[in-house]
Amino acid sequence: MDMARGTVRDALGSLGNLALLSGSAKVGSKAIAGVLPDVLAACAPTREALLTLIAGLRGQLPSSRVPDEIEEFVLPRLDELEEELTGRVNEPLRTPERLGLDRVLGRLSRELDAVQSLLELLEVAGYESPFPFKVSELLKQRLPASPSGRRPARRFTARLSVTDPLPEVLLKPRAFSTLVAAAAELLSDPDGSPGISIAVRKGVVEIYISSAAAAGAELVVWGYGVIAPSHAAIRAAAELTDVEISEGEGGILLALKTG
């Protein structure tokens, strides 16, 4: 599993760099053409590594279709990437072809980065140990933290409102904070700020994530992309972290028992 994670991380890093190079007017076509064979050669090992990671999820989620949904999403995109690079690797890279390559690689890089992020969320949700935390302090600490080992798609602002006092609750810290960030990104409007409100009601800490909020302290959140399996993966991650999740119009409610 460690080897599979490393293979995916390195391959997606190379793909992302190639996408940036192909979109830069300062980089010559010859330099880009020289990188294509290496990225193409990584496609088959990346496919095998992703299937290994997805297979690992099946043991954690034996009755869920989420691993299947991720596999059904990722395999056609790897096929498309391999086909695109195969068709270009032995052909002259003229300006029109390069512009087309820029668009395809940019899209596939973003989508595969989002797959990696969901796999990591689900994996951590399954194995991480819980510790006592105040939800508000955990989110203030972890949501703005610089990304490590992943390529964020964007950086956005949420508004955090807290009704004190809040008790400590047992949380899987990395998994829970990533879950909240993913839910906020899922609901966020490009021109607005999602809201994250935290309060205690009847012995339950409730975290309500809404699509927009007018009040609250600004909190930086890193987003890793929303793809077709995101919604189901967020629900599965909540289950693995022992968080009750419910959805209504315009929002997602996460509930944590204090006892």
C-alpha atoms as a PDB file:
ATOM      1  CA  MET A   1       0.000   0.000   0.000  1.00  0.00           C
ATOM      2  CA  ASP A   2       2.852   2.384   0.761  1.00  0.00           C
ATOM      3  CA  MET A   3       4.374   1.665  -2.643  1.00  0.00           C
ATOM      4  CA  ALA A   4       0.998   2.228  -4.314  1.00  0.00           C
ATOM      5  CA  ARG A   5       0.566   5.562  -2.551  1.00  0.00           C
ATOM      6  CA  GLY A   6       4.046   6.644  -3.602  1.00  0.00           C
ATOM      7  CA  THR A   7       3.468   5.598  -7.204  1.00  0.00           C
ATOM      8  CA  VAL A   8       0.216   7.579  -7.394  1.00  0.00           C
ATOM      9  CA  ARG A   9       1.722  10.627  -5.699  1.00  0.00           C
ATOM     10  CA  ASP A  10       4.741  10.735  -8.010  1.00  0.00           C
ATOM     11  CA  ALA A  11       2.743  10.063 -11.170  1.00  0.00           C
ATOM     12  CA  LEU A  12       0.131  12.715 -10.451  1.00  0.00           C
ATOM     13  CA  GLY A  13       2.871  15.181  -9.563  1.00  0.00           C
ATOM     14  CA  SER A  14       4.507  14.552 -12.947  1.00  0.00           C
ATOM     15  CA  LEU A  15       1.175  14.854 -14.739  1.00  0.00           C
ATOM     16  CA  GLY A  16       0.396  18.117 -12.979  1.00  0.00           C
ATOM     17  CA  ASN A  17       3.808  19.523 -13.863  1.00  0.00           C
ATOM     18  CA  LEU A  18       3.351  18.502 -17.504  1.00  0.00           C
ATOM     19  CA  ALA A  19      -0.044  20.214 -17.567  1.00  0.00           C
ATOM     20  CA  LEU A  20       1.561  23.421 -16.253  1.00  0.00           C
ATOM     21  CA  LEU A  21       4.410  23.223 -18.757  1.00  0.00           C
ATOM     22  CA  SER A  22       2.096  22.668 -21.705  1.00  0.00           C
ATOM     23  CA  GLY A  23       0.123  25.758 -20.733  1.00  0.00           C
ATOM     24  CA  SER A  24       3.163  28.006 -20.386  1.00  0.00           C
ATOM     25  CA  ALA A  25       4.142  30.236 -23.305  1.00  0.00           C
ATOM     26  CA  LYS A  26       7.708  30.305 -21.926  1.00  0.00           C
ATOM     27  CA  VAL A  27       8.265  26.564 -22.432  1.00  0.00           C
ATOM     28  CA  GLY A  28       9.150  25.304 -25.892  1.00  0.00           C
ATOM     29  CA  SER A  29       7.312  22.449 -27.582  1.00  0.00           C
ATOM     30  CA  LYS A  30      10.506  20.407 -27.809  1.00  0.00           C
ATOM     31  CA  ALA A  31      10.908  20.453 -24.026  1.00  0.00           C
ATOM     32  CA  ILE A  32       7.308  19.324 -23.539  1.00  0.00           C
ATOM     33  CA  ALA A  33       7.659  16.569 -26.154  1.00  0.00           C
ATOM     34  CA  GLY A  34      10.669  15.250 -24.234  1.00  0.00           C
ATOM     35  CA  VAL A  35       8.583  14.733 -21.084  1.00  0.00           C
ATOM     36  CA  LEU A  36       5.633  12.959 -22.732  1.00  0.00           C
ATOM     37  CA  PRO A  37       7.237   9.462 -22.888  1.00  0.00           C
ATOM     38  CA  ASP A  38       7.947   9.461 -19.141  1.00  0.00           C
ATOM     39  CA  VAL A  39       4.384  10.421 -18.246  1.00  0.00           C
ATOM     40  CA  LEU A  40       3.058   7.842 -20.694  1.00  0.00           C
ATOM     41  CA  ALA A  41       5.273   5.133 -19.182  1.00  0.00           C
ATOM     42  CA  ALA A  42       3.819   5.921 -15.755  1.00  0.00           C
ATOM     43  CA  CYS A  43       0.198   5.314 -16.835  1.00  0.00           C
ATOM     44  CA  ALA A  44       0.208   1.523 -16.421  1.00  0.00           C
ATOM     45  CA  PRO A  45       1.878   1.521 -12.967  1.00  0.00           C
ATOM     46  CA  THR A  46      -0.455   4.309 -11.874  1.00  0.00           C
ATOM     47  CA  ARG A  47      -3.494   2.290 -12.943  1.00  0.00           C
ATOM     48  CA  GLU A  48      -2.240  -0.734 -10.999  1.00  0.00           C
ATOM     49  CA  ALA A  49      -1.458   1.384  -7.926  1.00  0.00           C
ATOM     50  CA  LEU A  50      -4.874   3.048  -7.923  1.00  0.00           C
ATOM     51  CA  LEU A  51      -6.596  -0.331  -8.225  1.00  0.00           C
ATOM     52  CA  THR A  52      -4.526  -1.522  -5.244  1.00  0.00           C
ATOM     53  CA  LEU A  53      -5.662   1.445  -3.154  1.00  0.00           C
ATOM     54  CA  ILE A  54      -9.291   0.996  -4.212  1.00  0.00           C
ATOM     55  CA  ALA A  55      -9.107  -2.706  -3.341  1.00  0.00           C
ATOM     56  CA  GLY A  56      -7.923  -1.705   0.129  1.00  0.00           C
ATOM     57  CA  LEU A  57     -11.108   0.311   0.588  1.00  0.00           C
ATOM     58  CA  ARG A  58     -13.319  -2.675  -0.132  1.00  0.00           C
ATOM     59  CA  GLY A  59     -12.317  -4.259   3.177  1.00  0.00           C
ATOM     60  CA  GLN A  60     -13.217  -1.060   5.043  1.00  0.00           C
ATOM     61  CA  LEU A  61     -16.501  -0.569   3.155  1.00  0.00           C
ATOM     62  CA  PRO A  62     -17.717  -4.109   2.392  1.00  0.00           C
ATOM     63  CA  SER A  63     -21.335  -3.119   1.740  1.00  0.00           C
ATOM     64  CA  SER A  64     -20.665   0.183  -0.012  1.00  0.00           C
ATOM     65  CA  ARG A  65     -20.528   1.000  -3.718  1.00  0.00           C
ATOM     66  CA  VAL A  66     -18.108   3.860  -3.124  1.00  0.00           C
ATOM     67  CA  PRO A  67     -14.985   1.855  -4.154  1.00  0.00           C
ATOM     68  CA  ASP A  68     -16.819   0.819  -7.327  1.00  0.00           C
ATOM     69  CA  GLU A  69     -17.859   4.406  -8.046  1.00  0.00           C
ATOM     70  CA  ILE A  70     -14.284   5.616  -7.674  1.00  0.00           C
ATOM     71  CA  GLU A  71     -12.995   2.813  -9.910  1.00  0.00           C
ATOM     72  CA  GLU A  72     -15.659   3.515 -12.537  1.00  0.00           C
ATOM     73  CA  PHE A  73     -14.632   7.165 -12.500  1.00  0.00           C
ATOM     74  CA  VAL A  74     -10.863   6.758 -12.564  1.00  0.00           C
ATOM     75  CA  LEU A  75     -10.313   3.994 -15.146  1.00  0.00           C
ATOM     76  CA  PRO A  76     -11.817   5.840 -18.149  1.00  0.00           C
ATOM     77  CA  ARG A  77      -9.701   8.883 -17.313  1.00  0.00           C
ATOM     78  CA  LEU A  78      -6.513   6.853 -17.156  1.00  0.00           C
ATOM     79  CA  ASP A  79      -7.462   5.273 -20.472  1.00  0.00           C
ATOM     80  CA  GLU A  80      -8.056   8.716 -21.945  1.00  0.00           C
ATOM     81  CA  LEU A  81      -4.708   9.963 -20.641  1.00  0.00           C
ATOM     82  CA  GLU A  82      -2.848   6.971 -22.034  1.00  0.00           C
ATOM     83  CA  GLU A  83      -4.578   7.281 -25.404  1.00  0.00           C
ATOM     84  CA  GLU A  84      -3.903  11.014 -25.584  1.00  0.00           C
ATOM     85  CA  LEU A  85      -0.207  10.646 -24.807  1.00  0.00           C
ATOM     86  CA  THR A  86       0.227   7.625 -27.083  1.00  0.00           C
ATOM     87  CA  GLY A  87      -1.192   9.606 -29.986  1.00  0.00           C
ATOM     88  CA  ARG A  88       1.174  12.512 -29.417  1.00  0.00           C
ATOM     89  CA  VAL A  89       4.423  10.967 -28.268  1.00  0.00           C
ATOM     90  CA  ASN A  90       5.711  10.190 -31.769  1.00  0.00           C
ATOM     91  CA  GLU A  91       4.122  13.155 -33.553  1.00  0.00           C
ATOM     92  CA  PRO A  92       5.401  16.724 -33.997  1.00  0.00           C
ATOM     93  CA  LEU A  93       4.001  18.935 -31.251  1.00  0.00           C
ATOM     94  CA  ARG A  94       2.729  21.924 -33.216  1.00  0.00           C
ATOM     95  CA  THR A  95       0.970  24.883 -31.615  1.00  0.00           C
ATOM     96  CA  PRO A  96      -2.646  23.751 -32.289  1.00  0.00           C
ATOM     97  CA  GLU A  97      -1.928  20.262 -30.935  1.00  0.00           C
ATOM     98  CA  ARG A  98      -0.186  21.752 -27.922  1.00  0.00           C
ATOM     99  CA  LEU A  99      -3.209  23.884 -27.060  1.00  0.00           C
ATOM    100  CA  GLY A 100      -5.397  20.803 -27.172  1.00  0.00           C
ATOM    101  CA  LEU A 101      -2.935  18.928 -24.973  1.00  0.00           C
ATOM    102  CA  ASP A 102      -3.002  21.753 -22.437  1.00  0.00           C
ATOM    103  CA  ARG A 103      -6.783  21.499 -22.060  1.00  0.00           C
ATOM    104  CA  VAL A 104      -6.875  17.702 -21.791  1.00  0.00           C
ATOM    105  CA  LEU A 105      -3.985  17.386 -19.361  1.00  0.00           C
ATOM    106  CA  GLY A 106      -5.297  20.180 -17.161  1.00  0.00           C
ATOM    107  CA  ARG A 107      -8.703  18.526 -16.822  1.00  0.00           C
ATOM    108  CA  LEU A 108      -7.354  15.012 -16.264  1.00  0.00           C
ATOM    109  CA  SER A 109      -4.788  16.234 -13.750  1.00  0.00           C
ATOM    110  CA  ARG A 110      -7.479  17.976 -11.695  1.00  0.00           C
ATOM    111  CA  GLU A 111      -9.820  14.991 -11.798  1.00  0.00           C
ATOM    112  CA  LEU A 112      -7.145  12.474 -10.825  1.00  0.00           C
ATOM    113  CA  ASP A 113      -5.912  14.731  -8.021  1.00  0.00           C
ATOM    114  CA  ALA A 114      -9.487  14.756  -6.704  1.00  0.00           C
ATOM    115  CA  VAL A 115      -9.545  10.943  -6.829  1.00  0.00           C
ATOM    116  CA  GLN A 116      -6.335  10.799  -4.809  1.00  0.00           C
ATOM    117  CA  SER A 117      -7.838  13.143  -2.226  1.00  0.00           C
ATOM    118  CA  LEU A 118     -10.963  10.984  -1.800  1.00  0.00           C
ATOM    119  CA  LEU A 119      -8.887   7.819  -1.475  1.00  0.00           C
ATOM    120  CA  GLU A 120      -6.766   9.433   1.211  1.00  0.00           C
ATOM    121  CA  LEU A 121      -9.832  10.697   3.094  1.00  0.00           C
ATOM    122  CA  LEU A 122     -11.417   7.246   3.145  1.00  0.00           C
ATOM    123  CA  GLU A 123      -8.208   5.476   4.043  1.00  0.00           C
ATOM    124  CA  VAL A 124      -7.414   7.792   6.956  1.00  0.00           C
ATOM    125  CA  ALA A 125     -11.023   7.631   8.146  1.00  0.00           C
ATOM    126  CA  GLY A 126     -10.650   3.864   8.416  1.00  0.00           C
ATOM    127  CA  TYR A 127      -7.399   3.573  10.352  1.00  0.00           C
ATOM    128  CA  GLU A 128      -6.851   6.806  12.327  1.00  0.00           C
ATOM    129  CA  SER A 129      -7.237   6.638  16.099  1.00  0.00           C
ATOM    130  CA  PRO A 130      -9.613   9.051  17.882  1.00  0.00           C
ATOM    131  CA  PHE A 131      -8.445  11.658  20.410  1.00  0.00           C
ATOM    132  CA  PRO A 132     -10.337  14.233  22.503  1.00  0.00           C
ATOM    133  CA  PHE A 133     -10.643  17.644  20.834  1.00  0.00           C
ATOM    134  CA  LYS A 134     -12.809  20.715  20.804  1.00  0.00           C
ATOM    135  CA  VAL A 135     -14.207  20.757  17.283  1.00  0.00           C
ATOM    136  CA  SER A 136     -13.724  24.491  16.774  1.00  0.00           C
ATOM    137  CA  GLU A 137     -10.057  24.435  17.837  1.00  0.00           C
ATOM    138  CA  LEU A 138      -9.327  21.430  15.648  1.00  0.00           C
ATOM    139  CA  LEU A 139     -10.835  23.066  12.555  1.00  0.00           C
ATOM    140  CA  LYS A 140      -9.085  26.396  13.186  1.00  0.00           C
ATOM    141  CA  GLN A 141      -5.776  24.551  13.412  1.00  0.00           C
ATOM    142  CA  ARG A 142      -6.083  22.049  10.589  1.00  0.00           C
ATOM    143  CA  LEU A 143      -8.210  23.586   7.822  1.00  0.00           C
ATOM    144  CA  PRO A 144      -5.791  26.452   6.981  1.00  0.00           C
ATOM    145  CA  ALA A 145      -2.696  24.217   7.285  1.00  0.00           C
ATOM    146  CA  SER A 146      -0.543  24.028   4.168  1.00  0.00           C
ATOM    147  CA  PRO A 147      -1.235  20.940   2.040  1.00  0.00           C
ATOM    148  CA  SER A 148       1.165  18.035   2.384  1.00  0.00           C
ATOM    149  CA  GLY A 149       1.517  15.341  -0.288  1.00  0.00           C
ATOM    150  CA  ARG A 150      -1.515  16.475  -2.263  1.00  0.00           C
ATOM    151  CA  ARG A 151      -2.160  19.082  -4.937  1.00  0.00           C
ATOM    152  CA  PRO A 152      -5.030  21.412  -3.965  1.00  0.00           C
ATOM    153  CA  ALA A 153      -7.391  22.573  -6.693  1.00  0.00           C
ATOM    154  CA  ARG A 154      -8.186  25.850  -4.975  1.00  0.00           C
ATOM    155  CA  ARG A 155      -8.095  27.864  -1.783  1.00  0.00           C
ATOM    156  CA  PHE A 156     -11.334  29.379  -0.544  1.00  0.00           C
ATOM    157  CA  THR A 157     -12.745  31.076   2.543  1.00  0.00           C
ATOM    158  CA  ALA A 158     -15.429  29.721   4.857  1.00  0.00           C
ATOM    159  CA  ARG A 159     -17.112  31.535   7.725  1.00  0.00           C
ATOM    160  CA  LEU A 160     -16.896  29.821  11.111  1.00  0.00           C
ATOM    161  CA  SER A 161     -19.382  30.580  13.884  1.00  0.00           C
ATOM    162  CA  VAL A 162     -19.203  28.898  17.280  1.00  0.00           C
ATOM    163  CA  THR A 163     -21.683  28.831  20.162  1.00  0.00           C
ATOM    164  CA  ASP A 164     -19.651  28.286  23.339  1.00  0.00           C
ATOM    165  CA  PRO A 165     -19.058  26.441  25.541  1.00  0.00           C
ATOM    166  CA  LEU A 166     -18.078  23.369  23.557  1.00  0.00           C
ATOM    167  CA  PRO A 167     -17.023  20.115  25.225  1.00  0.00           C
ATOM    168  CA  GLU A 168     -14.207  17.925  24.016  1.00  0.00           C
ATOM    169  CA  VAL A 169     -15.313  14.953  21.930  1.00  0.00           C
ATOM    170  CA  LEU A 170     -13.466  11.944  20.563  1.00  0.00           C
ATOM    171  CA  LEU A 171     -12.430  12.671  16.980  1.00  0.00           C
ATOM    172  CA  LYS A 172     -10.193  11.224  14.320  1.00  0.00           C
ATOM    173  CA  PRO A 173      -8.495  14.601  13.797  1.00  0.00           C
ATOM    174  CA  ARG A 174      -7.077  14.341  10.299  1.00  0.00           C
ATOM    175  CA  ALA A 175     -10.060  12.451   8.917  1.00  0.00           C
ATOM    176  CA  PHE A 176     -12.653  14.711  10.538  1.00  0.00           C
ATOM    177  CA  SER A 177     -11.056  17.981   9.437  1.00  0.00           C
ATOM    178  CA  THR A 178     -10.656  16.652   5.889  1.00  0.00           C
ATOM    179  CA  LEU A 179     -14.286  15.515   5.944  1.00  0.00           C
ATOM    180  CA  VAL A 180     -15.474  19.000   6.952  1.00  0.00           C
ATOM    181  CA  ALA A 181     -13.310  20.618   4.258  1.00  0.00           C
ATOM    182  CA  ALA A 182     -14.640  18.236   1.603  1.00  0.00           C
ATOM    183  CA  ALA A 183     -18.245  18.926   2.627  1.00  0.00           C
ATOM    184  CA  ALA A 184     -17.621  22.689   2.572  1.00  0.00           C
ATOM    185  CA  GLU A 185     -16.094  22.432  -0.897  1.00  0.00           C
ATOM    186  CA  LEU A 186     -18.999  20.302  -2.101  1.00  0.00           C
ATOM    187  CA  LEU A 187     -21.456  23.009  -1.025  1.00  0.00           C
ATOM    188  CA  SER A 188     -19.389  26.091  -1.787  1.00  0.00           C
ATOM    189  CA  ASP A 189     -20.404  28.615  -4.403  1.00  0.00           C
ATOM    190  CA  PRO A 190     -17.550  30.068  -6.493  1.00  0.00           C
ATOM    191  CA  ASP A 191     -18.599  33.599  -5.500  1.00  0.00           C
ATOM    192  CA  GLY A 192     -19.562  32.953  -1.888  1.00  0.00           C
ATOM    193  CA  SER A 193     -18.268  31.589   1.395  1.00  0.00           C
ATOM    194  CA  PRO A 194     -19.717  28.397   2.877  1.00  0.00           C
ATOM    195  CA  GLY A 195     -20.678  28.542   6.519  1.00  0.00           C
ATOM    196  CA  ILE A 196     -19.529  26.215   9.299  1.00  0.00           C
ATOM    197  CA  SER A 197     -21.520  26.659  12.510  1.00  0.00           C
ATOM    198  CA  ILE A 198     -20.840  24.653  15.674  1.00  0.00           C
ATOM    199  CA  ALA A 199     -23.115  24.327  18.696  1.00  0.00           C
ATOM    200  CA  VAL A 200     -24.196  21.816  21.345  1.00  0.00           C
ATOM    201  CA  ARG A 201     -27.808  20.657  21.394  1.00  0.00           C
ATOM    202  CA  LYS A 202     -29.131  17.994  23.759  1.00  0.00           C
ATOM    203  CA  GLY A 203     -25.718  16.452  24.414  1.00  0.00           C
ATOM    204  CA  VAL A 204     -24.696  16.411  20.758  1.00  0.00           C
ATOM    205  CA  VAL A 205     -22.098  18.628  19.079  1.00  0.00           C
ATOM    206  CA  GLU A 206     -23.607  19.704  15.769  1.00  0.00           C
ATOM    207  CA  ILE A 207     -21.537  21.006  12.886  1.00  0.00           C
ATOM    208  CA  TYR A 208     -23.775  22.520  10.226  1.00  0.00           C
ATOM    209  CA  ILE A 209     -22.113  23.227   6.892  1.00  0.00           C
ATOM    210  CA  SER A 210     -24.128  25.512   4.634  1.00  0.00           C
ATOM    211  CA  SER A 211     -23.619  26.698   1.086  1.00  0.00           C
ATOM    212  CA  ALA A 212     -23.271  30.345   2.114  1.00  0.00           C
ATOM    213  CA  ALA A 213     -22.912  32.419   5.271  1.00  0.00           C
ATOM    214  CA  ALA A 214     -23.036  36.166   5.861  1.00  0.00           C
ATOM    215  CA  ALA A 215     -21.479  36.133   9.339  1.00  0.00           C
ATOM    216  CA  GLY A 216     -18.666  34.380  11.161  1.00  0.00           C
ATOM    217  CA  ALA A 217     -14.887  34.481  11.388  1.00  0.00           C
ATOM    218  CA  GLU A 218     -13.091  33.912   8.095  1.00  0.00           C
ATOM    219  CA  LEU A 219     -11.310  30.584   7.848  1.00  0.00           C
ATOM    220  CA  VAL A 220      -9.098  29.468   4.972  1.00  0.00           C
ATOM    221  CA  VAL A 221      -9.965  26.055   3.501  1.00  0.00           C
ATOM    222  CA  TRP A 222      -8.083  24.040   0.881  1.00  0.00           C
ATOM    223  CA  GLY A 223     -10.176  22.297  -1.767  1.00  0.00           C
ATOM    224  CA  TYR A 224      -9.092  19.311  -3.838  1.00  0.00           C
ATOM    225  CA  GLY A 225     -11.840  19.195  -6.432  1.00  0.00           C
ATOM    226  CA  VAL A 226     -15.391  17.875  -6.604  1.00  0.00           C
ATOM    227  CA  ILE A 227     -16.033  14.857  -8.834  1.00  0.00           C
ATOM    228  CA  ALA A 228     -18.908  12.433  -9.355  1.00  0.00           C
ATOM    229  CA  PRO A 229     -17.983  10.084  -6.434  1.00  0.00           C
ATOM    230  CA  SER A 230     -17.403  12.951  -3.965  1.00  0.00           C
ATOM    231  CA  HIS A 231     -20.864  12.992  -2.437  1.00  0.00           C
ATOM    232  CA  ALA A 232     -20.986   9.252  -1.722  1.00  0.00           C
ATOM    233  CA  ALA A 233     -17.377   9.261  -0.493  1.00  0.00           C
ATOM    234  CA  ILE A 234     -18.128  12.009   2.031  1.00  0.00           C
ATOM    235  CA  ARG A 235     -21.015   9.971   3.450  1.00  0.00           C
ATOM    236  CA  ALA A 236     -18.804   6.871   3.639  1.00  0.00           C
ATOM    237  CA  ALA A 237     -16.032   8.830   5.379  1.00  0.00           C
ATOM    238  CA  ALA A 238     -18.548  10.082   7.951  1.00  0.00           C
ATOM    239  CA  GLU A 239     -19.566   6.488   8.643  1.00  0.00           C
ATOM    240  CA  LEU A 240     -15.939   5.424   9.092  1.00  0.00           C
ATOM    241  CA  THR A 241     -15.288   8.294  11.520  1.00  0.00           C
ATOM    242  CA  ASP A 242     -18.397   7.503  13.622  1.00  0.00           C
ATOM    243  CA  VAL A 243     -20.022  10.800  12.643  1.00  0.00           C
ATOM    244  CA  GLU A 244     -23.746  10.941  12.021  1.00  0.00           C
ATOM    245  CA  ILE A 245     -24.461  12.785   8.764  1.00  0.00           C
ATOM    246  CA  SER A 246     -27.731  14.148   7.451  1.00  0.00           C
ATOM    247  CA  GLU A 247     -28.533  16.468   4.587  1.00  0.00           C
ATOM    248  CA  GLY A 248     -31.129  19.098   3.973  1.00  0.00           C
ATOM    249  CA  GLU A 249     -31.747  21.868   1.524  1.00  0.00           C
ATOM    250  CA  GLY A 250     -28.519  23.821   1.225  1.00  0.00           C
ATOM    251  CA  GLY A 251     -26.599  22.131   4.008  1.00  0.00           C
ATOM    252  CA  ILE A 252     -24.993  19.091   5.628  1.00  0.00           C
ATOM    253  CA  LEU A 253     -25.256  18.355   9.349  1.00  0.00           C
ATOM    254  CA  LEU A 254     -22.540  16.392  11.170  1.00  0.00           C
ATOM    255  CA  ALA A 255     -23.386  15.214  14.673  1.00  0.00           C
ATOM    256  CA  LEU A 256     -21.017  14.000  17.410  1.00  0.00           C
ATOM    257  CA  LYS A 257     -22.167  12.539  20.706  1.00  0.00           C
ATOM    258  CA  THR A 258     -20.453  14.041  23.731  1.00  0.00           C
ATOM    259  CA  GLY A 259     -20.808  10.944  25.943  1.00  0.00           C
END
